[in-house]
Protein backbone atom coordinates (compact mmCIF):
# COMPACT_ATOMS: atom_id res chain seq x y z
CA MET A 1 49.26 46.48 -30.63
CA SER A 2 48.55 50.03 -29.51
CA GLU A 3 44.91 49.72 -30.63
CA VAL A 4 44.50 46.44 -28.69
CA ALA A 5 46.06 48.03 -25.61
CA GLU A 6 43.68 50.98 -25.88
CA ILE A 7 40.65 48.65 -26.07
CA GLN A 8 41.89 46.65 -23.06
CA LYS A 9 42.39 49.89 -21.13
CA GLU A 10 38.82 50.96 -21.86
CA ILE A 11 37.46 47.60 -20.67
CA ALA A 12 39.51 47.72 -17.47
CA ALA A 13 38.56 51.32 -16.64
CA PRO A 14 35.84 51.79 -13.95
CA LYS A 15 32.42 52.33 -15.47
CA GLU A 16 30.94 55.81 -15.24
CA PRO A 17 27.23 56.19 -14.31
CA LEU A 18 25.05 56.50 -17.41
CA PHE A 19 23.77 59.92 -16.37
CA SER A 20 26.73 61.30 -14.45
CA THR A 21 27.23 65.07 -14.19
CA LYS A 22 29.69 64.91 -17.06
CA ASN A 23 27.25 63.00 -19.27
CA LYS A 24 24.36 65.32 -18.41
CA LYS A 25 26.43 68.30 -19.54
CA LEU A 26 26.81 66.65 -22.94
CA ILE A 27 23.05 67.11 -23.34
CA THR A 28 22.50 70.43 -21.57
CA ASP A 29 25.45 72.50 -22.84
CA PRO A 30 24.43 72.46 -26.54
CA LEU A 31 20.94 73.65 -25.60
CA ASN A 32 22.26 77.04 -24.54
CA GLU A 33 25.88 77.81 -23.64
CA ASN A 34 27.37 75.82 -26.52
CA ASN A 35 24.50 75.81 -29.00
CA PRO A 36 25.66 74.61 -32.44
CA ILE A 37 23.79 77.36 -34.32
CA THR A 38 23.87 80.45 -32.09
CA ILE A 39 27.22 79.90 -30.36
CA GLN A 40 29.28 77.71 -32.71
CA VAL A 41 27.59 79.29 -35.77
CA LEU A 42 27.15 75.96 -37.58
CA GLY A 43 24.16 74.77 -39.59
CA ILE A 44 23.02 78.32 -40.36
CA CYS A 45 21.91 77.35 -43.90
CA SER A 46 19.08 75.20 -42.53
CA ALA A 47 17.88 78.02 -40.29
CA LEU A 48 17.64 80.28 -43.33
CA ALA A 49 16.23 77.86 -45.88
CA ILE A 50 13.58 75.63 -44.32
CA THR A 51 12.11 77.65 -41.44
CA VAL A 52 9.21 79.20 -43.38
CA GLN A 53 6.93 76.52 -41.92
CA VAL A 54 7.06 74.78 -38.54
CA LYS A 55 6.27 71.39 -40.11
CA GLN A 56 9.36 71.56 -42.32
CA ALA A 57 11.55 72.64 -39.41
CA VAL A 58 10.32 69.78 -37.22
CA PHE A 59 10.95 67.08 -39.83
CA MET A 60 14.35 68.57 -40.72
CA SER A 61 15.26 68.61 -37.02
CA LEU A 62 14.16 64.99 -36.58
CA SER A 63 16.15 63.96 -39.65
CA VAL A 64 19.32 65.61 -38.37
CA LEU A 65 18.78 64.19 -34.89
CA VAL A 66 18.38 60.62 -36.17
CA VAL A 67 21.41 60.89 -38.47
CA MET A 68 23.56 62.45 -35.75
CA ILE A 69 22.70 59.91 -33.04
CA ALA A 70 23.09 56.88 -35.30
CA GLY A 71 26.22 58.29 -36.93
CA ASN A 72 27.93 59.17 -33.66
CA TRP A 73 27.22 55.68 -32.34
CA ILE A 74 28.58 53.99 -35.47
CA ILE A 75 31.71 56.15 -35.67
CA SER A 76 32.42 55.63 -31.97
CA ALA A 77 31.93 51.87 -32.33
CA ILE A 78 34.42 51.54 -35.19
CA ARG A 79 36.78 54.40 -34.34
CA ASN A 80 39.67 52.07 -33.41
CA LEU A 81 39.34 50.30 -36.75
CA ILE A 82 39.37 53.41 -38.95
CA PRO A 83 42.78 54.26 -40.45
CA SER A 84 43.61 57.88 -39.72
CA ARG A 85 44.23 58.73 -43.39
CA ILE A 86 40.73 57.79 -44.52
CA ARG A 87 38.70 58.72 -41.44
CA ILE A 88 36.92 61.63 -43.20
CA ILE A 89 35.97 59.36 -46.11
CA VAL A 90 34.57 56.77 -43.70
CA GLN A 91 32.60 59.46 -41.88
CA LEU A 92 31.14 60.69 -45.16
CA VAL A 93 30.13 57.14 -46.16
CA VAL A 94 28.39 56.65 -42.80
CA VAL A 95 26.49 59.95 -42.92
CA ALA A 96 25.60 59.54 -46.61
CA THR A 97 24.13 56.08 -45.94
CA LEU A 98 22.08 57.34 -43.01
CA VAL A 99 20.84 60.40 -44.92
CA THR A 100 19.77 58.21 -47.84
CA LEU A 101 17.74 56.03 -45.46
CA VAL A 102 16.14 59.10 -43.86
CA ASP A 103 15.36 60.61 -47.26
CA LEU A 104 13.68 57.42 -48.47
CA THR A 105 11.68 57.22 -45.23
CA LEU A 106 10.43 60.79 -45.64
CA LYS A 107 9.47 60.14 -49.27
CA ALA A 108 7.54 57.04 -48.22
CA PHE A 109 5.63 58.43 -45.22
CA VAL A 110 5.50 62.24 -45.65
CA PRO A 111 5.97 62.91 -49.38
CA ASP A 112 4.63 66.47 -49.12
CA VAL A 113 7.26 67.40 -46.54
CA SER A 114 9.95 65.55 -48.48
CA GLU A 115 9.10 67.57 -51.61
CA LYS A 116 9.36 70.88 -49.74
CA LEU A 117 12.63 69.95 -48.07
CA SER A 118 13.91 68.70 -51.46
CA VAL A 119 17.70 69.03 -51.68
CA PHE A 120 18.12 70.22 -48.09
CA VAL A 121 17.78 66.68 -46.73
CA GLY A 122 20.62 65.60 -48.99
CA LEU A 123 22.70 68.50 -47.74
CA ILE A 124 22.61 66.99 -44.25
CA ILE A 125 25.59 65.00 -45.53
CA THR A 126 27.69 68.17 -45.49
CA ASN A 127 26.13 69.61 -42.32
CA CYS A 128 29.03 71.05 -40.32
CA ILE A 129 27.41 70.09 -37.01
CA ILE A 130 27.29 66.38 -37.87
CA MET A 131 30.76 66.12 -39.39
CA GLY A 132 32.12 68.26 -36.55
CA ARG A 133 30.70 65.93 -33.86
CA PHE A 134 31.99 62.87 -35.71
CA GLU A 135 35.50 64.27 -35.85
CA ALA A 136 35.66 66.17 -32.56
CA PHE A 137 33.80 63.77 -30.28
CA ALA A 138 32.78 60.36 -31.64
CA MET A 139 36.30 59.60 -32.91
CA GLY A 140 37.68 59.94 -29.39
CA ASN A 141 34.93 58.74 -27.05
CA LYS A 142 32.89 55.68 -26.17
CA LYS A 143 29.49 54.92 -27.65
CA TRP A 144 27.23 56.12 -24.81
CA PRO A 145 28.84 59.57 -24.39
CA SER A 146 28.84 59.90 -28.18
CA VAL A 147 25.09 59.21 -28.28
CA LEU A 148 24.48 61.80 -25.54
CA ASP A 149 26.65 64.34 -27.35
CA ALA A 150 24.66 63.77 -30.55
CA LEU A 151 21.38 64.03 -28.63
CA GLY A 152 22.41 67.32 -27.03
CA ASN A 153 23.64 68.91 -30.26
CA GLY A 154 20.64 67.59 -32.19
CA LEU A 155 18.21 69.08 -29.69
CA GLY A 156 20.18 72.34 -29.61
CA TYR A 157 19.93 72.53 -33.39
CA ALA A 158 16.24 71.57 -33.33
CA TRP A 159 14.95 74.14 -30.85
CA ILE A 160 16.56 77.01 -32.75
CA LEU A 161 15.09 75.81 -36.06
CA ILE A 162 11.62 75.34 -34.58
CA ALA A 163 11.69 78.67 -32.71
CA VAL A 164 12.63 80.54 -35.89
CA ALA A 165 9.96 78.67 -37.86
CA VAL A 166 7.26 79.51 -35.29
CA VAL A 167 8.07 83.23 -35.51
CA ARG A 168 8.26 83.26 -39.30
CA GLU A 169 5.14 81.18 -40.00
CA THR A 170 2.88 82.85 -37.43
CA LEU A 171 3.87 86.42 -38.32
CA GLY A 172 4.42 85.83 -42.03
CA SER A 173 1.29 83.88 -42.93
CA GLY A 174 -0.84 83.77 -39.79
CA LYS A 175 -0.59 79.96 -39.69
CA PHE A 176 0.84 77.26 -37.44
CA TRP A 177 1.67 73.81 -38.86
CA GLY A 178 -0.02 74.98 -42.04
CA MET A 179 -3.32 75.73 -40.31
CA LYS A 180 -4.81 79.22 -39.93
CA PHE A 181 -5.15 80.47 -36.37
CA ILE A 182 -5.86 84.15 -37.09
CA PRO A 183 -9.52 84.70 -38.12
CA ASP A 184 -10.15 86.34 -41.49
CA SER A 185 -12.21 88.99 -39.69
CA TRP A 186 -8.97 90.30 -38.12
CA LEU A 187 -7.42 91.05 -41.50
CA ILE A 188 -7.31 94.62 -42.82
CA ASN A 189 -9.00 93.75 -46.10
CA ASN A 190 -11.96 92.44 -44.08
CA GLY A 191 -12.21 95.50 -41.86
CA GLY A 192 -9.82 94.28 -39.16
CA LEU A 193 -6.52 95.69 -37.88
CA TYR A 194 -4.14 92.82 -38.62
CA MET A 195 -1.98 92.31 -41.69
CA HIS A 196 0.45 89.48 -42.40
CA ASN A 197 4.08 90.56 -42.50
CA ASN A 198 5.24 89.06 -45.79
CA LEU A 199 8.82 90.07 -45.00
CA MET A 200 8.94 87.26 -42.42
CA ILE A 201 8.87 84.58 -45.10
CA LEU A 202 11.97 86.00 -46.81
CA PRO A 203 15.42 84.50 -45.95
CA PRO A 204 16.85 87.74 -44.45
CA MET A 205 14.22 87.63 -41.71
CA ALA A 206 15.42 84.17 -40.71
CA LEU A 207 18.89 85.59 -40.20
CA ILE A 208 17.47 88.52 -38.21
CA THR A 209 15.41 86.14 -36.04
CA VAL A 210 18.48 84.02 -35.32
CA GLY A 211 20.34 87.25 -34.49
CA VAL A 212 17.66 88.20 -31.97
CA ILE A 213 17.97 84.78 -30.31
CA ILE A 214 21.76 85.23 -30.15
CA TRP A 215 21.29 88.68 -28.57
CA ILE A 216 18.89 87.27 -25.96
CA GLN A 217 21.29 84.44 -25.11
CA ARG A 218 24.23 86.79 -24.66
CA SER A 219 22.23 89.31 -22.65
CA ARG A 220 21.23 86.55 -20.22
CA ASN A 221 24.70 85.02 -20.00
CA LYS A 222 27.59 87.49 -19.97
CA ASN A 223 30.11 84.64 -20.32
CA LEU A 224 29.02 84.24 -23.93
CA ILE A 225 30.02 87.80 -24.81
CA GLU A 226 33.33 87.76 -26.69
CA ALA A 227 36.04 90.02 -25.38
């Protein structure tokens, strides 16, 4: 009866505007002040593993975004039907199903990207950001706010991944989206003054790049500095 009463209470409650100030903050906060990677320190593995190329980072970001939005909506829609004891299992089934669909889609339409991402797409299932939003937000909120929360956190995750990938690919190999943009005549072995920094394609440089972004964020917003 308590579940029925909760549903009736939600129906009777006055409807909030779709893009109220509260709902807008669900999108804007994860982009900076509550970023899942640089502030919550979640999803770091992706930032280290698949940011050698911008193309990989973009498709990984899109995959996570799709899974997070669809998953948050589904979990929010069925949250009153999920027994508390098995809620984590249900969340894992939902995210595993969505990840499988995304993985098959990538293999069908962009097989080269799918091959490079390899096991990392499957590891979206255990991505702390997704499971964290399921448990912390979707399980306790309506569908629309849950979708906005997923959108905000997905975009916050995406811009960090893409920013790191841009730095690493351009400085490490002189390419963008796999295409050369630095002329061969600029290279030292052709009489120029430029040389690719091969250190940028190594995982430690991804961590250093993320660290620089964290430093910039905290220097611009003193509220993010821990006491």
